[in-house]
Amino acid sequence: QVQLVESGGGLVQSGGSLRLSCAASGTASATIIFSIGAMGWYRQAPGKQRELVADITSGGSTNYLDSVKGRFTISRDNAKNTVYLQMNSLKPEDTAVYYCSADRIASNRGPIFGSWGQGTQVTVSS
């Protein structure tokens, strides 16, 4: 009923920047999104567990993984049902598939819990 679609990944040199976007939308034309709760960005590198990079509540409170503090900024546009991740001073260890998530989406088709995007690859070369 609702999908999260990420964009903005790619290949960048160490020290560079990327901006990821994730937009929530209904999969059917009659689906209307009323609100979204907390949204977050996770990442998973080969051979490692998925980890939370940053999240943001509907009110704008944020939380970051220690290793990205001061380099990454999460933000959201509630009117566009979109969450962003601005990544600066990228390091090779930031290389991973990045996924966005939403804990609760209120829609005219009922609440939807635990939504995930399909992932976008971020590769940082040294």
Foldseek 3Di string as FASTA:
>chain_A
DKAKAKDWADEEAQQAKIKMKIFMDDPDPPKDWDWFFKKFKWWDDPPGDIDTAKIAGSVGDMDGDPVQPPFWDWDADGVRRMIMIIGGSDDQVVWTWMKMWTAWIQIPVGIDGTHIHPTDTHGYHD
